[in-house]
Amino acid sequence: MVTRKGGSRRGSRHILRKNKRERGKISISRYLAKYKEGEKVILSAEPAVQKAMYHRRFHGKKGIIQSLRGQCYEVNIKDGNKIKTLIVHPVHLKRL
């Protein structure tokens, strides 16, 4: 049997890529952003930071902050008819 090569970012070279003008250091305010429970956010991956990055199929989805878990947030999103909970670092979130 053949084993699958690669991890969760396999085949995402072009999907999770920054434009040339967006490259460089990330603002510290994105790391330290605070969100409240019930706040609506958009999942927008920051390719330079792999910590607590969600799967690429959820890129661009809307979600609601459920709670804080360590430095990350639990975000509820709707995937089809199911509600799924993702653990996402604040660098990968944007306010709606």
PDB file of N, CA and C in Angstrom:
ATOM      1  N   MET A   1       0.835  -1.177   0.000  1.00  0.00           N
ATOM      2  CA  MET A   1       0.000   0.000   0.000  1.00  0.00           C
ATOM      3  C   MET A   1       0.886   1.249   0.000  1.00  0.00           C
ATOM      4  N   VAL A   2       0.468   2.258  -0.730  1.00  0.00           N
ATOM      5  CA  VAL A   2       1.237   3.483  -0.849  1.00  0.00           C
ATOM      6  C   VAL A   2       0.850   4.431   0.286  1.00  0.00           C
ATOM      7  N   THR A   3       1.862   5.036   0.905  1.00  0.00           N
ATOM      8  CA  THR A   3       1.568   5.996   1.966  1.00  0.00           C
ATOM      9  C   THR A   3       1.534   7.406   1.389  1.00  0.00           C
ATOM     10  N   ARG A   4       0.671   8.217   1.961  1.00  0.00           N
ATOM     11  CA  ARG A   4       0.502   9.587   1.493  1.00  0.00           C
ATOM     12  C   ARG A   4       1.649  10.448   2.013  1.00  0.00           C
ATOM     13  N   LYS A   5       2.230  11.238   1.129  1.00  0.00           N
ATOM     14  CA  LYS A   5       3.328  12.108   1.528  1.00  0.00           C
ATOM     15  C   LYS A   5       2.804  13.511   1.778  1.00  0.00           C
ATOM     16  N   GLY A   6       3.342  14.136   2.805  1.00  0.00           N
ATOM     17  CA  GLY A   6       2.998  15.516   3.083  1.00  0.00           C
ATOM     18  C   GLY A   6       2.041  15.647   4.243  1.00  0.00           C
ATOM     19  N   GLY A   7       1.889  16.879   4.699  1.00  0.00           N
ATOM     20  CA  GLY A   7       1.048  17.165   5.856  1.00  0.00           C
ATOM     21  C   GLY A   7      -0.186  17.954   5.480  1.00  0.00           C
ATOM     22  N   SER A   8      -0.651  18.768   6.419  1.00  0.00           N
ATOM     23  CA  SER A   8      -1.903  19.502   6.217  1.00  0.00           C
ATOM     24  C   SER A   8      -1.761  20.628   5.195  1.00  0.00           C
ATOM     25  N   ARG A   9      -0.535  21.096   4.941  1.00  0.00           N
ATOM     26  CA  ARG A   9      -0.328  22.177   3.966  1.00  0.00           C
ATOM     27  C   ARG A   9       0.073  21.646   2.595  1.00  0.00           C
ATOM     28  N   ARG A  10      -0.068  20.364   2.381  1.00  0.00           N
ATOM     29  CA  ARG A  10       0.304  19.744   1.109  1.00  0.00           C
ATOM     30  C   ARG A  10      -0.545  20.323  -0.026  1.00  0.00           C
ATOM     31  N   GLY A  11       0.103  20.804  -1.067  1.00  0.00           N
ATOM     32  CA  GLY A  11      -0.605  21.327  -2.231  1.00  0.00           C
ATOM     33  C   GLY A  11      -1.148  22.729  -2.044  1.00  0.00           C
ATOM     34  N   SER A  12      -0.697  23.441  -1.023  1.00  0.00           N
ATOM     35  CA  SER A  12      -1.258  24.768  -0.752  1.00  0.00           C
ATOM     36  C   SER A  12      -0.263  25.884  -1.040  1.00  0.00           C
ATOM     37  N   ARG A  13       0.712  25.619  -1.869  1.00  0.00           N
ATOM     38  CA  ARG A  13       1.757  26.605  -2.148  1.00  0.00           C
ATOM     39  C   ARG A  13       1.168  27.896  -2.714  1.00  0.00           C
ATOM     40  N   HIS A  14       0.194  27.793  -3.590  1.00  0.00           N
ATOM     41  CA  HIS A  14      -0.368  28.979  -4.214  1.00  0.00           C
ATOM     42  C   HIS A  14      -1.575  29.519  -3.453  1.00  0.00           C
ATOM     43  N   ILE A  15      -2.282  28.662  -2.736  1.00  0.00           N
ATOM     44  CA  ILE A  15      -3.466  29.098  -2.002  1.00  0.00           C
ATOM     45  C   ILE A  15      -3.074  29.988  -0.826  1.00  0.00           C
ATOM     46  N   LEU A  16      -2.088  29.544  -0.036  1.00  0.00           N
ATOM     47  CA  LEU A  16      -1.690  30.277   1.170  1.00  0.00           C
ATOM     48  C   LEU A  16      -0.440  31.113   0.909  1.00  0.00           C
ATOM     49  N   ARG A  17      -0.451  31.875  -0.158  1.00  0.00           N
ATOM     50  CA  ARG A  17       0.710  32.677  -0.539  1.00  0.00           C
ATOM     51  C   ARG A  17       0.382  34.154  -0.379  1.00  0.00           C
ATOM     52  N   LYS A  18       1.371  34.931   0.048  1.00  0.00           N
ATOM     53  CA  LYS A  18       1.199  36.377   0.152  1.00  0.00           C
ATOM     54  C   LYS A  18       1.553  37.034  -1.174  1.00  0.00           C
ATOM     55  N   ASN A  19       0.991  38.212  -1.391  1.00  0.00           N
ATOM     56  CA  ASN A  19       1.410  39.009  -2.534  1.00  0.00           C
ATOM     57  C   ASN A  19       2.770  39.617  -2.227  1.00  0.00           C
ATOM     58  N   LYS A  20       3.468  40.079  -3.238  1.00  0.00           N
ATOM     59  CA  LYS A  20       4.801  40.642  -3.029  1.00  0.00           C
ATOM     60  C   LYS A  20       4.779  41.845  -2.097  1.00  0.00           C
ATOM     61  N   ARG A  21       3.760  42.678  -2.169  1.00  0.00           N
ATOM     62  CA  ARG A  21       3.687  43.871  -1.336  1.00  0.00           C
ATOM     63  C   ARG A  21       3.356  43.556   0.113  1.00  0.00           C
ATOM     64  N   GLU A  22       2.801  42.386   0.378  1.00  0.00           N
ATOM     65  CA  GLU A  22       2.406  42.023   1.742  1.00  0.00           C
ATOM     66  C   GLU A  22       3.509  41.299   2.498  1.00  0.00           C
ATOM     67  N   ARG A  23       4.605  40.989   1.849  1.00  0.00           N
ATOM     68  CA  ARG A  23       5.668  40.237   2.502  1.00  0.00           C
ATOM     69  C   ARG A  23       6.433  41.112   3.481  1.00  0.00           C
ATOM     70  N   GLY A  24       7.079  40.479   4.438  1.00  0.00           N
ATOM     71  CA  GLY A  24       7.862  41.214   5.420  1.00  0.00           C
ATOM     72  C   GLY A  24       7.405  40.900   6.825  1.00  0.00           C
ATOM     73  N   LYS A  25       7.800  41.741   7.759  1.00  0.00           N
ATOM     74  CA  LYS A  25       7.469  41.516   9.159  1.00  0.00           C
ATOM     75  C   LYS A  25       5.977  41.706   9.404  1.00  0.00           C
ATOM     76  N   ILE A  26       5.478  40.942  10.373  1.00  0.00           N
ATOM     77  CA  ILE A  26       4.070  41.015  10.738  1.00  0.00           C
ATOM     78  C   ILE A  26       3.940  41.984  11.906  1.00  0.00           C
ATOM     79  N   SER A  27       2.898  42.784  11.884  1.00  0.00           N
ATOM     80  CA  SER A  27       2.665  43.757  12.945  1.00  0.00           C
ATOM     81  C   SER A  27       2.421  43.054  14.279  1.00  0.00           C
ATOM     82  N   ILE A  28       2.985  43.587  15.343  1.00  0.00           N
ATOM     83  CA  ILE A  28       2.823  42.996  16.675  1.00  0.00           C
ATOM     84  C   ILE A  28       1.375  43.094  17.144  1.00  0.00           C
ATOM     85  N   SER A  29       0.630  44.059  16.625  1.00  0.00           N
ATOM     86  CA  SER A  29      -0.769  44.204  17.025  1.00  0.00           C
ATOM     87  C   SER A  29      -1.619  43.027  16.549  1.00  0.00           C
ATOM     88  N   ARG A  30      -1.207  42.371  15.477  1.00  0.00           N
ATOM     89  CA  ARG A  30      -1.938  41.175  15.026  1.00  0.00           C
ATOM     90  C   ARG A  30      -1.743  40.020  15.990  1.00  0.00           C
ATOM     91  N   TYR A  31      -0.545  39.916  16.588  1.00  0.00           N
ATOM     92  CA  TYR A  31      -0.269  38.873  17.578  1.00  0.00           C
ATOM     93  C   TYR A  31      -1.053  39.104  18.862  1.00  0.00           C
ATOM     94  N   LEU A  32      -1.169  40.369  19.260  1.00  0.00           N
ATOM     95  CA  LEU A  32      -1.759  40.707  20.547  1.00  0.00           C
ATOM     96  C   LEU A  32      -3.230  41.099  20.449  1.00  0.00           C
ATOM     97  N   ALA A  33      -3.861  40.860  19.316  1.00  0.00           N
ATOM     98  CA  ALA A  33      -5.263  41.240  19.133  1.00  0.00           C
ATOM     99  C   ALA A  33      -6.153  40.491  20.118  1.00  0.00           C
ATOM    100  N   LYS A  34      -7.108  41.211  20.707  1.00  0.00           N
ATOM    101  CA  LYS A  34      -8.054  40.625  21.656  1.00  0.00           C
ATOM    102  C   LYS A  34      -9.432  40.565  21.018  1.00  0.00           C
ATOM    103  N   TYR A  35     -10.097  39.449  21.196  1.00  0.00           N
ATOM    104  CA  TYR A  35     -11.441  39.262  20.680  1.00  0.00           C
ATOM    105  C   TYR A  35     -12.352  38.858  21.834  1.00  0.00           C
ATOM    106  N   LYS A  36     -13.610  39.272  21.768  1.00  0.00           N
ATOM    107  CA  LYS A  36     -14.589  38.929  22.798  1.00  0.00           C
ATOM    108  C   LYS A  36     -15.421  37.750  22.332  1.00  0.00           C
ATOM    109  N   GLU A  37     -16.029  37.051  23.297  1.00  0.00           N
ATOM    110  CA  GLU A  37     -16.918  35.941  22.957  1.00  0.00           C
ATOM    111  C   GLU A  37     -18.108  36.468  22.172  1.00  0.00           C
ATOM    112  N   GLY A  38     -18.489  35.750  21.126  1.00  0.00           N
ATOM    113  CA  GLY A  38     -19.615  36.139  20.293  1.00  0.00           C
ATOM    114  C   GLY A  38     -19.248  37.089  19.164  1.00  0.00           C
ATOM    115  N   GLU A  39     -17.998  37.527  19.096  1.00  0.00           N
ATOM    116  CA  GLU A  39     -17.560  38.435  18.031  1.00  0.00           C
ATOM    117  C   GLU A  39     -17.386  37.660  16.725  1.00  0.00           C
ATOM    118  N   LYS A  40     -17.800  38.283  15.620  1.00  0.00           N
ATOM    119  CA  LYS A  40     -17.688  37.633  14.313  1.00  0.00           C
ATOM    120  C   LYS A  40     -16.330  37.947  13.700  1.00  0.00           C
ATOM    121  N   VAL A  41     -15.711  36.903  13.123  1.00  0.00           N
ATOM    122  CA  VAL A  41     -14.389  37.045  12.514  1.00  0.00           C
ATOM    123  C   VAL A  41     -14.342  36.313  11.184  1.00  0.00           C
ATOM    124  N   ILE A  42     -13.326  36.647  10.391  1.00  0.00           N
ATOM    125  CA  ILE A  42     -13.051  35.940   9.140  1.00  0.00           C
ATOM    126  C   ILE A  42     -11.733  35.200   9.311  1.00  0.00           C
ATOM    127  N   LEU A  43     -11.679  33.967   8.850  1.00  0.00           N
ATOM    128  CA  LEU A  43     -10.445  33.190   8.901  1.00  0.00           C
ATOM    129  C   LEU A  43      -9.583  33.600   7.716  1.00  0.00           C
ATOM    130  N   SER A  44      -8.490  34.260   8.021  1.00  0.00           N
ATOM    131  CA  SER A  44      -7.575  34.742   6.993  1.00  0.00           C
ATOM    132  C   SER A  44      -6.168  34.311   7.391  1.00  0.00           C
ATOM    133  N   ALA A  45      -5.664  33.261   6.765  1.00  0.00           N
ATOM    134  CA  ALA A  45      -4.390  32.658   7.174  1.00  0.00           C
ATOM    135  C   ALA A  45      -3.218  33.589   6.926  1.00  0.00           C
ATOM    136  N   GLU A  46      -2.327  33.627   7.883  1.00  0.00           N
ATOM    137  CA  GLU A  46      -1.048  34.342   7.762  1.00  0.00           C
ATOM    138  C   GLU A  46       0.007  33.277   7.462  1.00  0.00           C
ATOM    139  N   PRO A  47       0.460  33.171   6.213  1.00  0.00           N
ATOM    140  CA  PRO A  47       1.350  32.074   5.816  1.00  0.00           C
ATOM    141  C   PRO A  47       2.689  32.052   6.541  1.00  0.00           C
ATOM    142  N   ALA A  48       3.140  33.198   7.040  1.00  0.00           N
ATOM    143  CA  ALA A  48       4.435  33.259   7.701  1.00  0.00           C
ATOM    144  C   ALA A  48       4.409  32.632   9.097  1.00  0.00           C
ATOM    145  N   VAL A  49       3.200  32.420   9.649  1.00  0.00           N
ATOM    146  CA  VAL A  49       3.064  31.853  10.989  1.00  0.00           C
ATOM    147  C   VAL A  49       2.292  30.551  10.872  1.00  0.00           C
ATOM    148  N   GLN A  50       2.956  29.431  11.202  1.00  0.00           N
ATOM    149  CA  GLN A  50       2.283  28.149  11.091  1.00  0.00           C
ATOM    150  C   GLN A  50       1.608  27.728  12.391  1.00  0.00           C
ATOM    151  N   LYS A  51       1.901  28.418  13.484  1.00  0.00           N
ATOM    152  CA  LYS A  51       1.354  28.054  14.785  1.00  0.00           C
ATOM    153  C   LYS A  51      -0.168  28.210  14.785  1.00  0.00           C
ATOM    154  N   ALA A  52      -0.859  27.156  15.181  1.00  0.00           N
ATOM    155  CA  ALA A  52      -2.326  27.153  15.311  1.00  0.00           C
ATOM    156  C   ALA A  52      -3.010  27.610  14.028  1.00  0.00           C
ATOM    157  N   MET A  53      -2.504  27.172  12.884  1.00  0.00           N
ATOM    158  CA  MET A  53      -3.145  27.470  11.603  1.00  0.00           C
ATOM    159  C   MET A  53      -4.151  26.366  11.302  1.00  0.00           C
ATOM    160  N   TYR A  54      -5.311  26.768  10.855  1.00  0.00           N
ATOM    161  CA  TYR A  54      -6.371  25.828  10.524  1.00  0.00           C
ATOM    162  C   TYR A  54      -6.102  25.162   9.171  1.00  0.00           C
ATOM    163  N   HIS A  55      -6.926  24.198   8.805  1.00  0.00           N
ATOM    164  CA  HIS A  55      -6.789  23.527   7.513  1.00  0.00           C
ATOM    165  C   HIS A  55      -7.178  24.488   6.396  1.00  0.00           C
ATOM    166  N   ARG A  56      -6.551  24.353   5.258  1.00  0.00           N
ATOM    167  CA  ARG A  56      -6.749  25.309   4.164  1.00  0.00           C
ATOM    168  C   ARG A  56      -8.165  25.308   3.610  1.00  0.00           C
ATOM    169  N   ARG A  57      -8.956  24.263   3.860  1.00  0.00           N
ATOM    170  CA  ARG A  57     -10.327  24.246   3.339  1.00  0.00           C
ATOM    171  C   ARG A  57     -11.214  25.281   4.029  1.00  0.00           C
ATOM    172  N   PHE A  58     -10.788  25.771   5.192  1.00  0.00           N
ATOM    173  CA  PHE A  58     -11.576  26.757   5.934  1.00  0.00           C
ATOM    174  C   PHE A  58     -11.154  28.191   5.639  1.00  0.00           C
ATOM    175  N   HIS A  59     -10.228  28.403   4.721  1.00  0.00           N
ATOM    176  CA  HIS A  59      -9.696  29.729   4.410  1.00  0.00           C
ATOM    177  C   HIS A  59     -10.798  30.635   3.856  1.00  0.00           C
ATOM    178  N   GLY A  60     -10.978  31.797   4.477  1.00  0.00           N
ATOM    179  CA  GLY A  60     -11.972  32.761   4.023  1.00  0.00           C
ATOM    180  C   GLY A  60     -13.352  32.586   4.618  1.00  0.00           C
ATOM    181  N   LYS A  61     -13.539  31.616   5.509  1.00  0.00           N
ATOM    182  CA  LYS A  61     -14.854  31.387   6.109  1.00  0.00           C
ATOM    183  C   LYS A  61     -15.112  32.352   7.258  1.00  0.00           C
ATOM    184  N   LYS A  62     -16.406  32.590   7.525  1.00  0.00           N
ATOM    185  CA  LYS A  62     -16.812  33.410   8.655  1.00  0.00           C
ATOM    186  C   LYS A  62     -17.021  32.526   9.864  1.00  0.00           C
ATOM    187  N   GLY A  63     -16.720  33.066  11.041  1.00  0.00           N
ATOM    188  CA  GLY A  63     -16.904  32.302  12.267  1.00  0.00           C
ATOM    189  C   GLY A  63     -17.242  33.202  13.432  1.00  0.00           C
ATOM    190  N   ILE A  64     -17.557  32.569  14.566  1.00  0.00           N
ATOM    191  CA  ILE A  64     -17.892  33.279  15.792  1.00  0.00           C
ATOM    192  C   ILE A  64     -16.952  32.811  16.885  1.00  0.00           C
ATOM    193  N   ILE A  65     -16.371  33.758  17.635  1.00  0.00           N
ATOM    194  CA  ILE A  65     -15.471  33.419  18.727  1.00  0.00           C
ATOM    195  C   ILE A  65     -16.272  32.755  19.834  1.00  0.00           C
ATOM    196  N   GLN A  66     -15.836  31.563  20.236  1.00  0.00           N
ATOM    197  CA  GLN A  66     -16.524  30.840  21.299  1.00  0.00           C
ATOM    198  C   GLN A  66     -15.848  31.102  22.641  1.00  0.00           C
ATOM    199  N   SER A  67     -14.522  30.944  22.699  1.00  0.00           N
ATOM    200  CA  SER A  67     -13.809  31.159  23.955  1.00  0.00           C
ATOM    201  C   SER A  67     -12.316  31.291  23.682  1.00  0.00           C
ATOM    202  N   LEU A  68     -11.584  31.603  24.735  1.00  0.00           N
ATOM    203  CA  LEU A  68     -10.136  31.708  24.676  1.00  0.00           C
ATOM    204  C   LEU A  68      -9.544  30.403  25.175  1.00  0.00           C
ATOM    205  N   ARG A  69      -8.524  29.901  24.489  1.00  0.00           N
ATOM    206  CA  ARG A  69      -7.833  28.684  24.911  1.00  0.00           C
ATOM    207  C   ARG A  69      -6.342  28.965  24.826  1.00  0.00           C
ATOM    208  N   GLY A  70      -5.738  29.283  25.958  1.00  0.00           N
ATOM    209  CA  GLY A  70      -4.332  29.664  25.980  1.00  0.00           C
ATOM    210  C   GLY A  70      -4.152  30.973  25.246  1.00  0.00           C
ATOM    211  N   GLN A  71      -3.275  30.992  24.256  1.00  0.00           N
ATOM    212  CA  GLN A  71      -3.072  32.197  23.446  1.00  0.00           C
ATOM    213  C   GLN A  71      -3.988  32.207  22.231  1.00  0.00           C
ATOM    214  N   CYS A  72      -4.682  31.103  21.985  1.00  0.00           N
ATOM    215  CA  CYS A  72      -5.514  30.958  20.796  1.00  0.00           C
ATOM    216  C   CYS A  72      -6.995  31.113  21.141  1.00  0.00           C
ATOM    217  N   TYR A  73      -7.822  31.120  20.098  1.00  0.00           N
ATOM    218  CA  TYR A  73      -9.261  31.245  20.264  1.00  0.00           C
ATOM    219  C   TYR A  73      -9.954  30.037  19.657  1.00  0.00           C
ATOM    220  N   GLU A  74     -11.058  29.632  20.289  1.00  0.00           N
ATOM    221  CA  GLU A  74     -11.924  28.617  19.706  1.00  0.00           C
ATOM    222  C   GLU A  74     -12.941  29.338  18.847  1.00  0.00           C
ATOM    223  N   VAL A  75     -13.000  28.974  17.579  1.00  0.00           N
ATOM    224  CA  VAL A  75     -13.880  29.633  16.614  1.00  0.00           C
ATOM    225  C   VAL A  75     -14.850  28.600  16.063  1.00  0.00           C
ATOM    226  N   ASN A  76     -16.154  28.906  16.131  1.00  0.00           N
ATOM    227  CA  ASN A  76     -17.175  28.041  15.549  1.00  0.00           C
ATOM    228  C   ASN A  76     -17.442  28.485  14.127  1.00  0.00           C
ATOM    229  N   ILE A  77     -17.372  27.533  13.187  1.00  0.00           N
ATOM    230  CA  ILE A  77     -17.705  27.826  11.793  1.00  0.00           C
ATOM    231  C   ILE A  77     -18.733  26.823  11.324  1.00  0.00           C
ATOM    232  N   LYS A  78     -19.437  27.177  10.272  1.00  0.00           N
ATOM    233  CA  LYS A  78     -20.409  26.268   9.701  1.00  0.00           C
ATOM    234  C   LYS A  78     -19.800  25.652   8.451  1.00  0.00           C
ATOM    235  N   ASP A  79     -19.661  24.332   8.448  1.00  0.00           N
ATOM    236  CA  ASP A  79     -19.095  23.595   7.323  1.00  0.00           C
ATOM    237  C   ASP A  79     -20.179  22.666   6.796  1.00  0.00           C
ATOM    238  N   GLY A  80     -20.869  23.115   5.757  1.00  0.00           N
ATOM    239  CA  GLY A  80     -22.033  22.368   5.284  1.00  0.00           C
ATOM    240  C   GLY A  80     -23.156  22.566   6.289  1.00  0.00           C
ATOM    241  N   ASN A  81     -23.667  21.484   6.853  1.00  0.00           N
ATOM    242  CA  ASN A  81     -24.716  21.566   7.867  1.00  0.00           C
ATOM    243  C   ASN A  81     -24.181  21.359   9.272  1.00  0.00           C
ATOM    244  N   LYS A  82     -22.876  21.170   9.419  1.00  0.00           N
ATOM    245  CA  LYS A  82     -22.280  20.938  10.729  1.00  0.00           C
ATOM    246  C   LYS A  82     -21.624  22.205  11.251  1.00  0.00           C
ATOM    247  N   ILE A  83     -21.625  22.341  12.573  1.00  0.00           N
ATOM    248  CA  ILE A  83     -20.874  23.412  13.212  1.00  0.00           C
ATOM    249  C   ILE A  83     -19.595  22.800  13.745  1.00  0.00           C
ATOM    250  N   LYS A  84     -18.459  23.355  13.313  1.00  0.00           N
ATOM    251  CA  LYS A  84     -17.162  22.820  13.722  1.00  0.00           C
ATOM    252  C   LYS A  84     -16.425  23.856  14.549  1.00  0.00           C
ATOM    253  N   THR A  85     -15.614  23.368  15.486  1.00  0.00           N
ATOM    254  CA  THR A  85     -14.822  24.234  16.340  1.00  0.00           C
ATOM    255  C   THR A  85     -13.362  24.131  15.940  1.00  0.00           C
ATOM    256  N   LEU A  86     -12.745  25.277  15.647  1.00  0.00           N
ATOM    257  CA  LEU A  86     -11.336  25.338  15.277  1.00  0.00           C
ATOM    258  C   LEU A  86     -10.576  26.097  16.360  1.00  0.00           C
ATOM    259  N   ILE A  87      -9.342  25.701  16.580  1.00  0.00           N
ATOM    260  CA  ILE A  87      -8.473  26.422  17.501  1.00  0.00           C
ATOM    261  C   ILE A  87      -7.515  27.232  16.638  1.00  0.00           C
ATOM    262  N   VAL A  88      -7.633  28.556  16.720  1.00  0.00           N
ATOM    263  CA  VAL A  88      -6.944  29.439  15.774  1.00  0.00           C
ATOM    264  C   VAL A  88      -6.183  30.522  16.538  1.00  0.00           C
ATOM    265  N   HIS A  89      -4.940  30.768  16.104  1.00  0.00           N
ATOM    266  CA  HIS A  89      -4.129  31.842  16.660  1.00  0.00           C
ATOM    267  C   HIS A  89      -4.678  33.181  16.157  1.00  0.00           C
ATOM    268  N   PRO A  90      -4.641  34.251  16.986  1.00  0.00           N
ATOM    269  CA  PRO A  90      -5.216  35.535  16.558  1.00  0.00           C
ATOM    270  C   PRO A  90      -4.571  36.148  15.322  1.00  0.00           C
ATOM    271  N   VAL A  91      -3.378  35.713  14.940  1.00  0.00           N
ATOM    272  CA  VAL A  91      -2.740  36.216  13.715  1.00  0.00           C
ATOM    273  C   VAL A  91      -3.569  35.843  12.490  1.00  0.00           C
ATOM    274  N   HIS A  92      -4.295  34.729  12.562  1.00  0.00           N
ATOM    275  CA  HIS A  92      -5.059  34.229  11.423  1.00  0.00           C
ATOM    276  C   HIS A  92      -6.509  34.716  11.418  1.00  0.00           C
ATOM    277  N   LEU A  93      -6.849  35.673  12.273  1.00  0.00           N
ATOM    278  CA  LEU A  93      -8.220  36.165  12.370  1.00  0.00           C
ATOM    279  C   LEU A  93      -8.297  37.636  11.976  1.00  0.00           C
ATOM    280  N   LYS A  94      -9.439  38.028  11.390  1.00  0.00           N
ATOM    281  CA  LYS A  94      -9.722  39.433  11.098  1.00  0.00           C
ATOM    282  C   LYS A  94     -11.157  39.723  11.521  1.00  0.00           C
ATOM    283  N   ARG A  95     -11.373  40.929  12.062  1.00  0.00           N
ATOM    284  CA  ARG A  95     -12.721  41.302  12.470  1.00  0.00           C
ATOM    285  C   ARG A  95     -13.620  41.480  11.258  1.00  0.00           C
ATOM    286  N   LEU A  96     -14.877  41.137  11.439  1.00  0.00           N
ATOM    287  CA  LEU A  96     -15.840  41.251  10.346  1.00  0.00           C
ATOM    288  C   LEU A  96     -16.465  42.617  10.357  1.00  0.00           C
TER     289      LEU A  96
END
